[in-house]
Amino acid sequence: MPRPPKKSQTRKAPDNRLYTLEVFITEGPTTEEFAEKNPVVSRTIQIRGDQTLEQLHKAIFTAFDREDPHMYEFQFGGKGPMDPKAKRYVMPEALEDPFGQKPPAGIVTKTAIGSLGLKVKDKFGYWFDFGDDWHHQINVVGIDDEAPKGRYPKLTNRVGESPPQYVDWEEEED
């Protein structure tokens, strides 16, 4: 009778694929002057398949020079921000949804990028700060079979200036 494999033999290897994502700000509280100077604001981020949506959030937060943490979620399969049909991946604190939406598909701290079944040309959403409503579109622009050695997530390109996280509307009126 064959013996069952040892635990070390049954472990799945980490997902070492490298995902290249373009993150665009599509909506948020910016001034007309900022929008005119920065018609496109995007960041390109590389992340390994074994890293989580929470790690992607932290990379986006840093890439856009944000200062104050806020609630956020990722949305997959919808037709735009806030599509009720989208699968939502939320922070652990948001499992008890005060907005009465359908239950989330997963938790950002436990959902690996590689587990999402992403393909090149897929798009998904990222909503940051449920009061100021910063909406982002994330495009999958590349998936490599193996990530080169190095630290990930990694910012590889910046287009446009980072908008201020908070707009001083009084200053704008002057």
N, C-alpha and C. Protein backbone atom coordinates (compact mmCIF):
# COMPACT_ATOMS: atom_id res chain seq x y z
N MET A 1 0.84 -1.18 0.00
CA MET A 1 0.00 0.00 0.00
C MET A 1 0.89 1.24 0.00
N PRO A 2 0.68 2.16 -0.97
CA PRO A 2 1.52 3.36 -0.99
C PRO A 2 1.24 4.27 0.19
N ARG A 3 2.31 4.88 0.66
CA ARG A 3 2.17 5.82 1.78
C ARG A 3 1.76 7.18 1.25
N PRO A 4 0.96 7.93 2.04
CA PRO A 4 0.60 9.28 1.61
C PRO A 4 1.85 10.15 1.55
N PRO A 5 1.87 11.13 0.64
CA PRO A 5 3.05 12.00 0.54
C PRO A 5 3.23 12.80 1.81
N LYS A 6 4.48 13.12 2.09
CA LYS A 6 4.78 13.97 3.24
C LYS A 6 4.21 15.35 2.98
N LYS A 7 3.91 16.07 4.07
CA LYS A 7 3.33 17.41 3.92
C LYS A 7 4.19 18.30 3.04
N SER A 8 5.49 18.23 3.18
CA SER A 8 6.36 19.11 2.40
C SER A 8 6.24 18.82 0.91
N GLN A 9 5.84 17.59 0.55
CA GLN A 9 5.70 17.25 -0.85
C GLN A 9 4.36 17.72 -1.43
N THR A 10 3.39 17.99 -0.58
CA THR A 10 2.07 18.38 -1.07
C THR A 10 1.89 19.90 -1.15
N ARG A 11 2.83 20.66 -0.63
CA ARG A 11 2.71 22.11 -0.68
C ARG A 11 2.78 22.60 -2.12
N LYS A 12 1.93 23.53 -2.41
CA LYS A 12 1.93 24.13 -3.73
C LYS A 12 3.03 25.20 -3.77
N ALA A 13 3.77 25.22 -4.86
CA ALA A 13 4.83 26.22 -5.02
C ALA A 13 4.21 27.60 -5.10
N PRO A 14 4.90 28.63 -4.58
CA PRO A 14 4.36 29.98 -4.68
C PRO A 14 4.18 30.38 -6.14
N ASP A 15 3.18 31.19 -6.39
CA ASP A 15 2.91 31.69 -7.74
C ASP A 15 3.91 32.79 -8.03
N ASN A 16 4.92 32.49 -8.81
CA ASN A 16 5.99 33.44 -9.08
C ASN A 16 5.78 34.19 -10.39
N ARG A 17 4.56 34.13 -10.96
CA ARG A 17 4.31 34.90 -12.17
C ARG A 17 4.40 36.39 -11.83
N LEU A 18 4.74 37.18 -12.83
CA LEU A 18 4.85 38.62 -12.65
C LEU A 18 3.75 39.31 -13.44
N TYR A 19 2.91 40.06 -12.73
CA TYR A 19 1.80 40.79 -13.33
C TYR A 19 2.20 42.25 -13.47
N THR A 20 2.03 42.79 -14.67
CA THR A 20 2.28 44.21 -14.90
C THR A 20 0.92 44.88 -15.05
N LEU A 21 0.65 45.85 -14.19
CA LEU A 21 -0.65 46.50 -14.11
C LEU A 21 -0.51 48.01 -14.32
N GLU A 22 -1.37 48.58 -15.15
CA GLU A 22 -1.45 50.03 -15.29
C GLU A 22 -2.64 50.50 -14.48
N VAL A 23 -2.39 51.43 -13.57
CA VAL A 23 -3.42 51.93 -12.67
C VAL A 23 -3.71 53.38 -13.04
N PHE A 24 -4.94 53.64 -13.49
CA PHE A 24 -5.36 54.98 -13.91
C PHE A 24 -6.35 55.55 -12.91
N ILE A 25 -6.20 56.82 -12.56
CA ILE A 25 -7.23 57.50 -11.80
C ILE A 25 -8.31 57.90 -12.81
N THR A 26 -9.53 57.46 -12.57
CA THR A 26 -10.63 57.78 -13.49
C THR A 26 -11.59 58.81 -12.91
N GLU A 27 -11.57 58.95 -11.58
CA GLU A 27 -12.50 59.89 -10.95
C GLU A 27 -11.98 60.22 -9.55
N GLY A 28 -12.13 61.46 -9.16
CA GLY A 28 -11.73 61.88 -7.82
C GLY A 28 -11.81 63.38 -7.70
N PRO A 29 -11.66 63.89 -6.49
CA PRO A 29 -11.82 65.33 -6.24
C PRO A 29 -10.58 66.13 -6.63
N THR A 30 -10.44 66.41 -7.93
CA THR A 30 -9.31 67.24 -8.37
C THR A 30 -9.84 68.56 -8.92
N THR A 31 -8.96 69.52 -9.02
CA THR A 31 -9.34 70.83 -9.55
C THR A 31 -9.24 70.82 -11.08
N GLU A 32 -9.89 71.77 -11.71
CA GLU A 32 -9.82 71.89 -13.17
C GLU A 32 -8.38 72.17 -13.60
N GLU A 33 -7.69 73.00 -12.84
CA GLU A 33 -6.31 73.33 -13.17
C GLU A 33 -5.44 72.08 -13.17
N PHE A 34 -5.60 71.24 -12.14
CA PHE A 34 -4.82 70.00 -12.07
C PHE A 34 -5.14 69.11 -13.25
N ALA A 35 -6.43 68.94 -13.56
CA ALA A 35 -6.86 68.08 -14.66
C ALA A 35 -6.32 68.57 -16.00
N GLU A 36 -6.27 69.88 -16.21
CA GLU A 36 -5.73 70.43 -17.46
C GLU A 36 -4.23 70.13 -17.60
N LYS A 37 -3.50 70.23 -16.50
CA LYS A 37 -2.06 69.97 -16.52
C LYS A 37 -1.74 68.47 -16.59
N ASN A 38 -2.69 67.65 -16.15
CA ASN A 38 -2.47 66.20 -16.05
C ASN A 38 -3.66 65.45 -16.64
N PRO A 39 -3.80 65.46 -17.96
CA PRO A 39 -4.96 64.80 -18.56
C PRO A 39 -4.99 63.30 -18.30
N VAL A 40 -3.82 62.70 -18.11
CA VAL A 40 -3.73 61.28 -17.76
C VAL A 40 -2.87 61.17 -16.52
N VAL A 41 -3.37 60.45 -15.52
CA VAL A 41 -2.60 60.18 -14.32
C VAL A 41 -2.62 58.67 -14.12
N SER A 42 -1.45 58.06 -14.29
CA SER A 42 -1.39 56.60 -14.15
C SER A 42 -0.05 56.18 -13.55
N ARG A 43 -0.05 54.97 -13.06
CA ARG A 43 1.17 54.36 -12.54
C ARG A 43 1.20 52.92 -13.04
N THR A 44 2.39 52.44 -13.36
CA THR A 44 2.57 51.04 -13.74
C THR A 44 3.25 50.33 -12.58
N ILE A 45 2.63 49.24 -12.16
CA ILE A 45 3.11 48.49 -11.00
C ILE A 45 3.29 47.03 -11.40
N GLN A 46 4.40 46.45 -10.99
CA GLN A 46 4.61 45.01 -11.16
C GLN A 46 4.45 44.34 -9.81
N ILE A 47 3.77 43.20 -9.82
CA ILE A 47 3.48 42.47 -8.59
C ILE A 47 3.49 40.98 -8.89
N ARG A 48 3.97 40.19 -7.95
CA ARG A 48 4.00 38.73 -8.13
C ARG A 48 2.62 38.12 -7.86
N GLY A 49 2.39 36.98 -8.44
CA GLY A 49 1.12 36.29 -8.28
C GLY A 49 0.85 35.83 -6.86
N ASP A 50 1.89 35.63 -6.05
CA ASP A 50 1.67 35.18 -4.67
C ASP A 50 1.43 36.35 -3.70
N GLN A 51 1.49 37.58 -4.21
CA GLN A 51 1.23 38.74 -3.36
C GLN A 51 -0.27 39.06 -3.37
N THR A 52 -0.71 39.73 -2.33
CA THR A 52 -2.14 39.93 -2.11
C THR A 52 -2.66 41.25 -2.66
N LEU A 53 -3.98 41.34 -2.72
CA LEU A 53 -4.62 42.60 -3.08
C LEU A 53 -4.27 43.69 -2.06
N GLU A 54 -4.08 43.32 -0.81
CA GLU A 54 -3.66 44.32 0.18
C GLU A 54 -2.29 44.89 -0.19
N GLN A 55 -1.38 44.05 -0.65
CA GLN A 55 -0.06 44.54 -1.06
C GLN A 55 -0.18 45.42 -2.31
N LEU A 56 -1.09 45.09 -3.21
CA LEU A 56 -1.33 45.94 -4.37
C LEU A 56 -1.87 47.29 -3.92
N HIS A 57 -2.81 47.29 -2.98
CA HIS A 57 -3.34 48.56 -2.44
C HIS A 57 -2.21 49.42 -1.89
N LYS A 58 -1.33 48.83 -1.09
CA LYS A 58 -0.23 49.60 -0.50
C LYS A 58 0.68 50.18 -1.57
N ALA A 59 0.91 49.42 -2.65
CA ALA A 59 1.74 49.92 -3.75
C ALA A 59 1.06 51.09 -4.45
N ILE A 60 -0.25 51.00 -4.66
CA ILE A 60 -0.99 52.09 -5.30
C ILE A 60 -0.98 53.32 -4.39
N PHE A 61 -1.22 53.11 -3.10
CA PHE A 61 -1.22 54.19 -2.12
C PHE A 61 0.10 54.96 -2.19
N THR A 62 1.21 54.24 -2.19
CA THR A 62 2.53 54.86 -2.24
C THR A 62 2.79 55.51 -3.60
N ALA A 63 2.40 54.83 -4.68
CA ALA A 63 2.66 55.33 -6.04
C ALA A 63 1.97 56.66 -6.32
N PHE A 64 0.81 56.88 -5.68
CA PHE A 64 0.09 58.13 -5.88
C PHE A 64 0.35 59.13 -4.75
N ASP A 65 1.38 58.87 -3.95
CA ASP A 65 1.84 59.80 -2.91
C ASP A 65 0.74 60.15 -1.91
N ARG A 66 -0.05 59.18 -1.55
CA ARG A 66 -1.12 59.44 -0.57
C ARG A 66 -0.55 59.42 0.83
N GLU A 67 -1.26 60.09 1.74
CA GLU A 67 -0.76 60.24 3.10
C GLU A 67 -1.64 59.58 4.14
N ASP A 68 -2.96 59.69 3.98
CA ASP A 68 -3.88 59.20 4.99
C ASP A 68 -4.58 57.92 4.52
N PRO A 69 -4.52 56.86 5.33
CA PRO A 69 -5.21 55.63 4.94
C PRO A 69 -6.73 55.79 5.04
N HIS A 70 -7.43 55.09 4.19
CA HIS A 70 -8.89 55.08 4.18
C HIS A 70 -9.36 53.69 3.76
N MET A 71 -10.65 53.47 3.84
CA MET A 71 -11.23 52.22 3.38
C MET A 71 -11.04 52.11 1.86
N TYR A 72 -10.98 50.89 1.38
CA TYR A 72 -10.83 50.65 -0.06
C TYR A 72 -11.38 49.27 -0.39
N GLU A 73 -11.61 49.04 -1.68
CA GLU A 73 -11.97 47.71 -2.16
C GLU A 73 -11.58 47.59 -3.63
N PHE A 74 -11.49 46.35 -4.09
CA PHE A 74 -11.26 46.05 -5.49
C PHE A 74 -12.53 45.45 -6.05
N GLN A 75 -12.82 45.73 -7.32
CA GLN A 75 -14.05 45.26 -7.97
C GLN A 75 -13.69 44.58 -9.29
N PHE A 76 -14.20 43.35 -9.48
CA PHE A 76 -13.89 42.55 -10.66
C PHE A 76 -15.17 42.17 -11.38
N GLY A 77 -15.14 42.26 -12.70
CA GLY A 77 -16.25 41.76 -13.50
C GLY A 77 -17.40 42.71 -13.69
N GLY A 78 -17.31 43.92 -13.22
CA GLY A 78 -18.38 44.88 -13.39
C GLY A 78 -18.21 45.70 -14.65
N LYS A 79 -19.14 46.59 -14.86
CA LYS A 79 -19.09 47.47 -16.03
C LYS A 79 -18.68 48.88 -15.62
N GLY A 80 -17.95 49.00 -14.56
CA GLY A 80 -17.50 50.31 -14.10
C GLY A 80 -17.59 50.39 -12.60
N PRO A 81 -17.13 51.52 -12.05
CA PRO A 81 -17.17 51.67 -10.59
C PRO A 81 -18.58 51.52 -10.04
N MET A 82 -18.68 50.82 -8.96
CA MET A 82 -19.92 50.65 -8.20
C MET A 82 -20.96 49.75 -8.89
N ASP A 83 -20.56 48.98 -9.89
CA ASP A 83 -21.50 48.04 -10.53
C ASP A 83 -21.90 46.99 -9.49
N PRO A 84 -23.20 46.86 -9.19
CA PRO A 84 -23.62 45.90 -8.17
C PRO A 84 -23.35 44.44 -8.56
N LYS A 85 -23.08 44.19 -9.82
CA LYS A 85 -22.79 42.82 -10.26
C LYS A 85 -21.32 42.45 -10.12
N ALA A 86 -20.47 43.43 -9.84
CA ALA A 86 -19.03 43.18 -9.71
C ALA A 86 -18.75 42.35 -8.46
N LYS A 87 -17.72 41.51 -8.54
CA LYS A 87 -17.23 40.79 -7.37
C LYS A 87 -16.35 41.76 -6.59
N ARG A 88 -16.64 41.90 -5.29
CA ARG A 88 -15.94 42.85 -4.45
C ARG A 88 -14.99 42.12 -3.51
N TYR A 89 -13.78 42.64 -3.41
CA TYR A 89 -12.78 42.13 -2.47
C TYR A 89 -12.51 43.26 -1.51
N VAL A 90 -12.75 43.02 -0.23
CA VAL A 90 -12.80 44.09 0.76
C VAL A 90 -11.79 43.89 1.89
N MET A 91 -11.61 44.94 2.65
CA MET A 91 -10.79 44.89 3.86
C MET A 91 -11.52 44.03 4.90
N PRO A 92 -10.80 43.38 5.80
CA PRO A 92 -11.47 42.57 6.82
C PRO A 92 -12.52 43.37 7.61
N GLU A 93 -12.26 44.67 7.84
CA GLU A 93 -13.20 45.50 8.59
C GLU A 93 -14.52 45.72 7.85
N ALA A 94 -14.53 45.46 6.54
CA ALA A 94 -15.72 45.73 5.72
C ALA A 94 -16.56 44.49 5.48
N LEU A 95 -16.25 43.41 6.17
CA LEU A 95 -17.05 42.19 5.99
C LEU A 95 -18.50 42.42 6.41
N GLU A 96 -18.68 43.20 7.45
CA GLU A 96 -20.03 43.58 7.86
C GLU A 96 -20.37 44.84 7.08
N ASP A 97 -21.03 44.70 5.94
CA ASP A 97 -21.26 45.80 5.01
C ASP A 97 -22.39 46.71 5.47
N PRO A 98 -22.08 47.96 5.83
CA PRO A 98 -23.13 48.88 6.27
C PRO A 98 -24.01 49.39 5.11
N PHE A 99 -23.56 49.17 3.87
CA PHE A 99 -24.31 49.67 2.72
C PHE A 99 -25.31 48.65 2.19
N GLY A 100 -25.33 47.45 2.76
CA GLY A 100 -26.30 46.44 2.35
C GLY A 100 -26.04 45.83 0.99
N GLN A 101 -24.80 45.89 0.52
CA GLN A 101 -24.47 45.27 -0.76
C GLN A 101 -24.37 43.76 -0.59
N LYS A 102 -24.28 43.06 -1.73
CA LYS A 102 -24.14 41.61 -1.65
C LYS A 102 -22.82 41.28 -0.95
N PRO A 103 -22.73 40.10 -0.36
CA PRO A 103 -21.51 39.73 0.37
C PRO A 103 -20.29 39.79 -0.55
N PRO A 104 -19.14 40.15 0.02
CA PRO A 104 -17.93 40.24 -0.80
C PRO A 104 -17.47 38.86 -1.29
N ALA A 105 -16.71 38.87 -2.38
CA ALA A 105 -16.16 37.64 -2.94
C ALA A 105 -14.93 37.19 -2.17
N GLY A 106 -14.28 38.13 -1.49
CA GLY A 106 -13.08 37.77 -0.75
C GLY A 106 -12.55 38.93 0.06
N ILE A 107 -11.46 38.63 0.76
CA ILE A 107 -10.81 39.59 1.64
C ILE A 107 -9.44 39.92 1.06
N VAL A 108 -9.11 41.20 1.01
CA VAL A 108 -7.86 41.64 0.37
C VAL A 108 -6.61 41.05 1.02
N THR A 109 -6.66 40.80 2.32
CA THR A 109 -5.48 40.28 3.02
C THR A 109 -5.20 38.82 2.69
N LYS A 110 -6.20 38.12 2.16
CA LYS A 110 -6.06 36.68 1.89
C LYS A 110 -6.17 36.33 0.41
N THR A 111 -6.37 37.31 -0.45
CA THR A 111 -6.56 37.04 -1.87
C THR A 111 -5.29 37.36 -2.65
N ALA A 112 -4.66 36.31 -3.17
CA ALA A 112 -3.45 36.47 -3.97
C ALA A 112 -3.82 36.91 -5.39
N ILE A 113 -2.99 37.74 -5.97
CA ILE A 113 -3.21 38.22 -7.33
C ILE A 113 -3.35 37.03 -8.29
N GLY A 114 -2.50 36.03 -8.13
CA GLY A 114 -2.52 34.88 -9.03
C GLY A 114 -3.77 34.02 -8.91
N SER A 115 -4.55 34.19 -7.85
CA SER A 115 -5.76 33.38 -7.67
C SER A 115 -6.97 33.96 -8.39
N LEU A 116 -6.82 35.13 -9.00
CA LEU A 116 -7.96 35.84 -9.58
C LEU A 116 -8.26 35.46 -11.03
N GLY A 117 -7.42 34.63 -11.62
CA GLY A 117 -7.64 34.22 -13.00
C GLY A 117 -7.48 35.33 -14.02
N LEU A 118 -6.63 36.30 -13.72
CA LEU A 118 -6.45 37.44 -14.61
C LEU A 118 -5.74 37.05 -15.90
N LYS A 119 -6.09 37.74 -16.97
CA LYS A 119 -5.46 37.57 -18.27
C LYS A 119 -5.06 38.96 -18.79
N VAL A 120 -4.10 38.98 -19.71
CA VAL A 120 -3.71 40.23 -20.33
C VAL A 120 -4.95 40.85 -20.99
N LYS A 121 -5.10 42.13 -20.86
CA LYS A 121 -6.21 42.97 -21.34
C LYS A 121 -7.41 42.98 -20.39
N ASP A 122 -7.38 42.19 -19.30
CA ASP A 122 -8.44 42.29 -18.30
C ASP A 122 -8.37 43.66 -17.63
N LYS A 123 -9.51 44.12 -17.13
CA LYS A 123 -9.61 45.38 -16.41
C LYS A 123 -10.38 45.13 -15.12
N PHE A 124 -9.99 45.84 -14.07
CA PHE A 124 -10.75 45.78 -12.82
C PHE A 124 -10.65 47.12 -12.11
N GLY A 125 -11.48 47.29 -11.10
CA GLY A 125 -11.58 48.57 -10.42
C GLY A 125 -10.97 48.56 -9.04
N TYR A 126 -10.59 49.74 -8.59
CA TYR A 126 -10.08 49.97 -7.24
C TYR A 126 -10.71 51.27 -6.76
N TRP A 127 -11.40 51.19 -5.63
CA TRP A 127 -12.08 52.34 -5.05
C TRP A 127 -11.40 52.66 -3.73
N PHE A 128 -10.85 53.86 -3.62
CA PHE A 128 -10.15 54.30 -2.42
C PHE A 128 -10.87 55.48 -1.80
N ASP A 129 -11.05 55.46 -0.52
CA ASP A 129 -11.65 56.54 0.26
C ASP A 129 -13.14 56.68 -0.10
N PHE A 130 -13.97 56.02 0.69
CA PHE A 130 -15.40 55.95 0.41
C PHE A 130 -16.12 57.28 0.61
N GLY A 131 -15.41 58.31 1.02
CA GLY A 131 -16.00 59.65 1.13
C GLY A 131 -15.63 60.52 -0.06
N ASP A 132 -14.33 60.56 -0.37
CA ASP A 132 -13.87 61.36 -1.51
C ASP A 132 -14.00 60.60 -2.82
N ASP A 133 -14.14 59.30 -2.76
CA ASP A 133 -14.40 58.47 -3.94
C ASP A 133 -13.36 58.60 -5.04
N TRP A 134 -12.16 58.14 -4.75
CA TRP A 134 -11.13 58.03 -5.78
C TRP A 134 -11.35 56.70 -6.49
N HIS A 135 -11.73 56.75 -7.77
CA HIS A 135 -11.95 55.54 -8.56
C HIS A 135 -10.77 55.36 -9.51
N HIS A 136 -10.36 54.11 -9.66
CA HIS A 136 -9.23 53.76 -10.52
C HIS A 136 -9.63 52.59 -11.42
N GLN A 137 -9.07 52.59 -12.60
CA GLN A 137 -9.18 51.43 -13.48
C GLN A 137 -7.80 50.80 -13.56
N ILE A 138 -7.75 49.49 -13.37
CA ILE A 138 -6.49 48.76 -13.43
C ILE A 138 -6.53 47.84 -14.64
N ASN A 139 -5.55 48.03 -15.54
CA ASN A 139 -5.46 47.22 -16.75
C ASN A 139 -4.31 46.23 -16.59
N VAL A 140 -4.57 44.97 -16.91
CA VAL A 140 -3.51 43.96 -16.91
C VAL A 140 -2.81 44.06 -18.26
N VAL A 141 -1.57 44.53 -18.26
CA VAL A 141 -0.86 44.74 -19.52
C VAL A 141 0.20 43.68 -19.79
N GLY A 142 0.51 42.86 -18.79
CA GLY A 142 1.48 41.79 -19.01
C GLY A 142 1.45 40.77 -17.89
N ILE A 143 1.70 39.53 -18.26
CA ILE A 143 1.86 38.45 -17.28
C ILE A 143 3.05 37.62 -17.75
N ASP A 144 4.12 37.63 -16.98
CA ASP A 144 5.31 36.84 -17.29
C ASP A 144 5.31 35.58 -16.44
N ASP A 145 5.87 34.50 -16.98
CA ASP A 145 5.86 33.21 -16.28
C ASP A 145 6.64 33.23 -14.97
N GLU A 146 7.65 34.11 -14.90
CA GLU A 146 8.45 34.15 -13.69
C GLU A 146 8.94 35.56 -13.42
N ALA A 147 8.84 35.96 -12.17
CA ALA A 147 9.32 37.29 -11.77
C ALA A 147 10.82 37.24 -11.57
N PRO A 148 11.55 38.19 -12.16
CA PRO A 148 12.98 38.27 -11.87
C PRO A 148 13.20 38.54 -10.38
N LYS A 149 14.37 38.21 -9.91
CA LYS A 149 14.67 38.48 -8.50
C LYS A 149 14.53 39.97 -8.23
N GLY A 150 14.07 40.29 -7.06
CA GLY A 150 13.91 41.70 -6.69
C GLY A 150 12.74 41.86 -5.76
N ARG A 151 12.53 43.09 -5.32
CA ARG A 151 11.44 43.40 -4.40
C ARG A 151 10.20 43.78 -5.19
N TYR A 152 9.08 43.23 -4.80
CA TYR A 152 7.79 43.51 -5.41
C TYR A 152 6.78 43.75 -4.31
N PRO A 153 5.76 44.51 -4.57
CA PRO A 153 5.43 45.24 -5.79
C PRO A 153 6.46 46.31 -6.09
N LYS A 154 6.53 46.65 -7.38
CA LYS A 154 7.53 47.61 -7.85
C LYS A 154 6.85 48.62 -8.79
N LEU A 155 7.09 49.90 -8.53
CA LEU A 155 6.61 50.96 -9.41
C LEU A 155 7.59 51.08 -10.57
N THR A 156 7.09 50.97 -11.82
CA THR A 156 7.98 51.00 -12.97
C THR A 156 7.75 52.20 -13.88
N ASN A 157 6.61 52.91 -13.74
CA ASN A 157 6.35 54.07 -14.59
C ASN A 157 5.33 54.99 -13.92
N ARG A 158 5.54 56.30 -14.12
CA ARG A 158 4.63 57.32 -13.62
C ARG A 158 4.24 58.23 -14.77
N VAL A 159 2.95 58.46 -14.96
CA VAL A 159 2.46 59.41 -15.95
C VAL A 159 1.62 60.44 -15.21
N GLY A 160 1.96 61.71 -15.35
CA GLY A 160 1.24 62.77 -14.65
C GLY A 160 1.68 62.90 -13.21
N GLU A 161 1.35 64.05 -12.65
CA GLU A 161 1.65 64.30 -11.23
C GLU A 161 0.62 63.58 -10.37
N SER A 162 0.98 63.32 -9.14
CA SER A 162 0.01 62.77 -8.19
C SER A 162 -0.90 63.90 -7.73
N PRO A 163 -2.21 63.68 -7.80
CA PRO A 163 -3.10 64.73 -7.30
C PRO A 163 -3.02 64.81 -5.78
N PRO A 164 -3.24 65.99 -5.22
CA PRO A 164 -3.29 66.05 -3.76
C PRO A 164 -4.43 65.17 -3.26
N GLN A 165 -4.19 64.48 -2.15
CA GLN A 165 -5.23 63.61 -1.62
C GLN A 165 -6.47 64.41 -1.21
N TYR A 166 -6.24 65.61 -0.72
CA TYR A 166 -7.35 66.48 -0.32
C TYR A 166 -7.22 67.82 -1.05
N VAL A 167 -8.28 68.24 -1.68
CA VAL A 167 -8.28 69.52 -2.39
C VAL A 167 -8.72 70.61 -1.43
N ASP A 168 -7.98 71.72 -1.43
CA ASP A 168 -8.37 72.88 -0.64
C ASP A 168 -9.30 73.72 -1.52
N TRP A 169 -10.60 73.47 -1.42
CA TRP A 169 -11.56 74.12 -2.29
C TRP A 169 -11.61 75.63 -2.06
N GLU A 170 -11.32 76.09 -0.83
CA GLU A 170 -11.31 77.54 -0.57
C GLU A 170 -10.20 78.21 -1.34
N GLU A 171 -9.02 77.56 -1.40
CA GLU A 171 -7.90 78.09 -2.14
C GLU A 171 -8.23 78.14 -3.64
N GLU A 172 -8.96 77.16 -4.14
CA GLU A 172 -9.35 77.08 -5.54
C GLU A 172 -10.26 78.25 -5.93
N GLU A 173 -11.12 78.70 -4.99
CA GLU A 173 -12.06 79.78 -5.28
C GLU A 173 -11.39 81.15 -5.36
N ASP A 174 -10.22 81.28 -4.71
CA ASP A 174 -9.52 82.58 -4.72
C ASP A 174 -8.99 82.97 -6.06
